[in-house]
Protein backbone atom coordinates (compact mmCIF):
# COMPACT_ATOMS: atom_id res chain seq x y z
CA MET A 1 269.11 151.52 20.99
CA SER A 2 269.92 148.16 19.48
CA VAL A 3 269.56 144.94 21.41
CA LYS A 4 273.33 144.30 21.27
CA GLU A 5 274.15 147.43 23.32
CA LEU A 6 271.89 146.62 26.28
CA ARG A 7 273.55 145.71 29.56
CA ILE A 8 272.13 142.78 31.48
CA ASN A 9 272.50 141.38 35.01
CA ASN A 10 276.04 141.90 36.39
CA ALA A 11 277.05 144.19 33.51
CA ILE A 12 274.90 146.95 35.06
CA ARG A 13 277.42 149.00 37.05
CA VAL A 14 275.31 151.79 38.60
CA LYS A 15 274.31 151.96 42.28
CA GLU A 16 270.59 152.45 41.75
CA VAL A 17 268.10 151.75 38.96
CA ARG A 18 264.49 152.68 38.30
CA LEU A 19 262.91 149.22 38.29
CA ILE A 20 259.99 147.80 36.35
CA ASP A 21 259.15 144.26 37.47
CA HIS A 22 258.21 141.29 35.25
CA GLU A 23 254.49 142.16 35.50
CA GLY A 24 255.11 145.72 34.21
CA ASN A 25 254.64 147.45 37.60
CA GLN A 26 256.84 150.41 38.57
CA ARG A 27 258.89 149.61 41.67
CA GLY A 28 260.61 153.00 41.88
CA VAL A 29 264.32 153.59 42.52
CA VAL A 30 265.90 150.40 43.89
CA PRO A 31 269.55 149.47 44.61
CA THR A 32 270.98 147.42 41.73
CA ILE A 33 271.92 144.51 44.01
CA GLU A 34 268.34 144.25 45.25
CA ALA A 35 266.99 144.42 41.66
CA LEU A 36 269.37 141.61 40.62
CA ALA A 37 268.17 139.48 43.55
CA MET A 38 264.52 140.06 42.52
CA ALA A 39 265.34 139.04 38.94
CA ARG A 40 267.13 135.83 40.01
CA GLU A 41 264.22 135.01 42.34
CA ALA A 42 261.80 135.29 39.40
CA GLY A 43 264.17 133.24 37.20
CA LEU A 44 264.57 136.14 34.75
CA ASP A 45 267.19 138.75 33.76
CA LEU A 46 267.66 142.36 34.79
CA VAL A 47 267.96 144.38 31.56
CA GLU A 48 268.92 148.05 31.35
CA ILE A 49 266.24 149.43 29.00
CA ALA A 50 267.05 153.18 29.11
CA PRO A 51 270.69 153.74 30.17
CA GLN A 52 270.55 157.47 29.34
CA ALA A 53 267.93 158.17 32.06
CA ASP A 54 268.93 159.27 35.56
CA PRO A 55 268.81 156.75 37.26
CA PRO A 56 268.85 154.22 34.39
CA VAL A 57 265.59 152.35 33.78
CA SER A 58 265.91 148.57 34.18
CA ARG A 59 263.34 145.87 33.69
CA ILE A 60 263.02 142.28 34.88
CA LEU A 61 262.30 140.09 31.86
CA ASP A 62 263.40 137.06 29.86
CA TYR A 63 266.29 138.52 27.86
CA GLY A 64 266.26 135.82 25.15
CA LYS A 65 262.57 136.38 24.46
CA TYR A 66 263.03 140.18 24.51
CA LYS A 67 265.92 139.98 22.05
CA PHE A 68 263.89 137.71 19.73
CA GLU A 69 260.91 140.10 19.78
CA GLN A 70 263.14 143.12 19.03
CA GLU A 71 264.74 141.34 16.04
CA LYS A 72 261.31 140.24 14.81
CA ARG A 73 260.05 143.85 15.03
CA ILE A 74 263.07 145.05 13.01
CA LYS A 75 262.46 142.37 10.35
CA ASP A 76 258.78 143.32 10.07
CA SER A 77 259.63 147.00 9.62
CA LYS A 78 262.10 146.08 6.86
CA LYS A 79 259.44 143.99 5.10
CA LYS A 80 257.09 146.97 4.94
CA GLN A 81 259.69 149.18 3.24
CA LYS A 82 259.41 149.24 -0.53
CA LEU A 83 262.75 149.40 -2.28
CA ILE A 84 262.56 151.70 -5.29
CA LYS A 85 265.04 150.87 -7.99
CA ILE A 86 266.22 153.38 -10.56
CA LYS A 87 266.53 151.86 -14.02
CA GLU A 88 268.53 153.71 -16.66
CA ILE A 89 267.91 153.69 -20.40
CA ARG A 90 270.65 155.22 -22.56
CA MET A 91 270.19 156.60 -26.04
CA GLN A 92 272.02 158.74 -28.58
CA PRO A 93 270.73 161.88 -30.31
CA LYS A 94 270.73 160.14 -33.71
CA ILE A 95 268.60 157.15 -32.64
CA GLU A 96 266.42 155.49 -35.27
CA LYS A 97 262.63 155.42 -34.96
CA HIS A 98 262.35 151.65 -34.31
CA ASP A 99 265.13 151.73 -31.69
CA LEU A 100 263.41 154.65 -29.95
CA GLU A 101 260.09 152.76 -29.86
CA PHE A 102 261.83 149.60 -28.61
CA LYS A 103 263.56 151.45 -25.76
CA THR A 104 260.36 153.34 -24.93
CA ASN A 105 258.59 149.99 -24.51
CA HIS A 106 261.30 148.98 -22.02
CA ILE A 107 260.73 152.26 -20.16
CA ARG A 108 256.99 151.55 -20.04
CA GLU A 109 257.67 148.04 -18.64
CA PHE A 110 259.95 149.45 -15.93
CA LEU A 111 257.33 152.05 -14.97
CA ASP A 112 254.62 149.36 -14.84
CA GLU A 113 256.81 147.35 -12.44
CA GLY A 114 256.92 150.42 -10.16
CA ASN A 115 260.54 151.44 -10.83
CA LYS A 116 261.89 154.93 -11.42
CA VAL A 117 263.47 155.38 -14.84
CA LYS A 118 266.32 157.69 -15.77
CA VAL A 119 266.35 158.33 -19.52
CA THR A 120 269.79 159.49 -20.69
CA VAL A 121 270.98 160.78 -24.05
CA ARG A 122 274.76 160.54 -24.48
CA PHE A 123 276.55 163.07 -26.69
CA ARG A 124 279.86 162.13 -28.35
CA GLY A 125 282.32 164.44 -30.07
CA ARG A 126 280.67 167.14 -32.18
CA GLU A 127 277.19 166.04 -31.11
CA LEU A 128 277.78 168.15 -27.99
CA ALA A 129 277.30 171.28 -30.13
CA HIS A 130 273.74 170.16 -30.94
CA THR A 131 272.17 169.40 -27.56
CA GLU A 132 268.76 170.43 -28.94
CA LEU A 133 268.72 167.05 -30.77
CA GLY A 134 268.87 165.29 -27.41
CA ARG A 135 265.92 167.32 -26.13
CA VAL A 136 263.95 166.31 -29.25
CA VAL A 137 264.67 162.63 -28.52
CA LEU A 138 263.53 163.00 -24.89
CA ASP A 139 260.36 164.82 -26.01
CA LYS A 140 259.60 161.94 -28.43
CA VAL A 141 260.00 159.46 -25.55
CA LEU A 142 257.51 161.45 -23.44
CA GLU A 143 255.13 161.62 -26.42
CA LEU A 144 255.30 157.82 -26.88
CA LEU A 145 254.72 157.18 -23.16
CA GLU A 146 251.69 159.54 -23.11
CA GLY A 147 250.53 159.76 -19.52
CA SER A 148 251.93 156.56 -18.01
CA TYR A 149 254.48 158.52 -15.97
CA ILE A 150 254.98 161.41 -13.57
CA MET A 151 257.88 163.73 -14.38
CA ASP A 152 260.32 163.67 -11.45
CA LYS A 153 263.13 165.72 -12.98
CA GLY A 154 262.94 167.40 -16.37
CA ALA A 155 265.54 167.19 -19.13
CA ALA A 156 268.84 168.74 -18.03
CA MET A 157 272.48 168.58 -19.12
CA GLU A 158 274.96 166.80 -16.86
CA GLY A 159 278.37 166.93 -18.53
CA ARG A 160 278.14 164.94 -21.79
CA PHE A 161 274.71 163.58 -20.88
CA MET A 162 271.19 164.99 -21.01
CA SER A 163 268.84 163.13 -18.73
CA MET A 164 265.40 163.18 -17.18
CA THR A 165 263.84 161.07 -14.44
CA LEU A 166 260.36 159.56 -14.58
CA ASN A 167 258.27 158.09 -11.75
CA PRO A 168 255.53 155.51 -12.27
CA LYS A 169 251.98 156.80 -12.12
CA VAL A 170 250.36 155.98 -8.77
CA LYS A 171 247.88 153.09 -9.06
CA LYS A 172 244.61 153.33 -7.16
């Protein structure tokens, strides 16, 4: 449950709550009015932690501090996530040798940066009758990369495109 959805103090509308005091001790089932009085006496807030429980679990704590800690925890978990980007390199079946090498170097750079790469060969007009030429181009790319990748998805036709997806090799 997000911090924004929590009910605090007078927003708690149930008769009884299962109370945890500011020291973390269980106080059992207590009338909400009594729990609010205990919170005010301690100079803290009564926060409904688990509203789905029967009776709802409430805790006496400093709501501002609690909210800050929750947001900090969410930020930290987002920092640890690694965002994988998919880069796409497009070619044609009648690509020249130098252009193929140039684009393969770009693919190698993307893989070294830790990105996934989708290599696509686009067929136009009558080229669609000779899809084997596209497979030859993709095989040449794999030959030039020689072991700096892990095949995620092999060469396959998708409409007018033939594409394959490569993952970077895991570094130890």
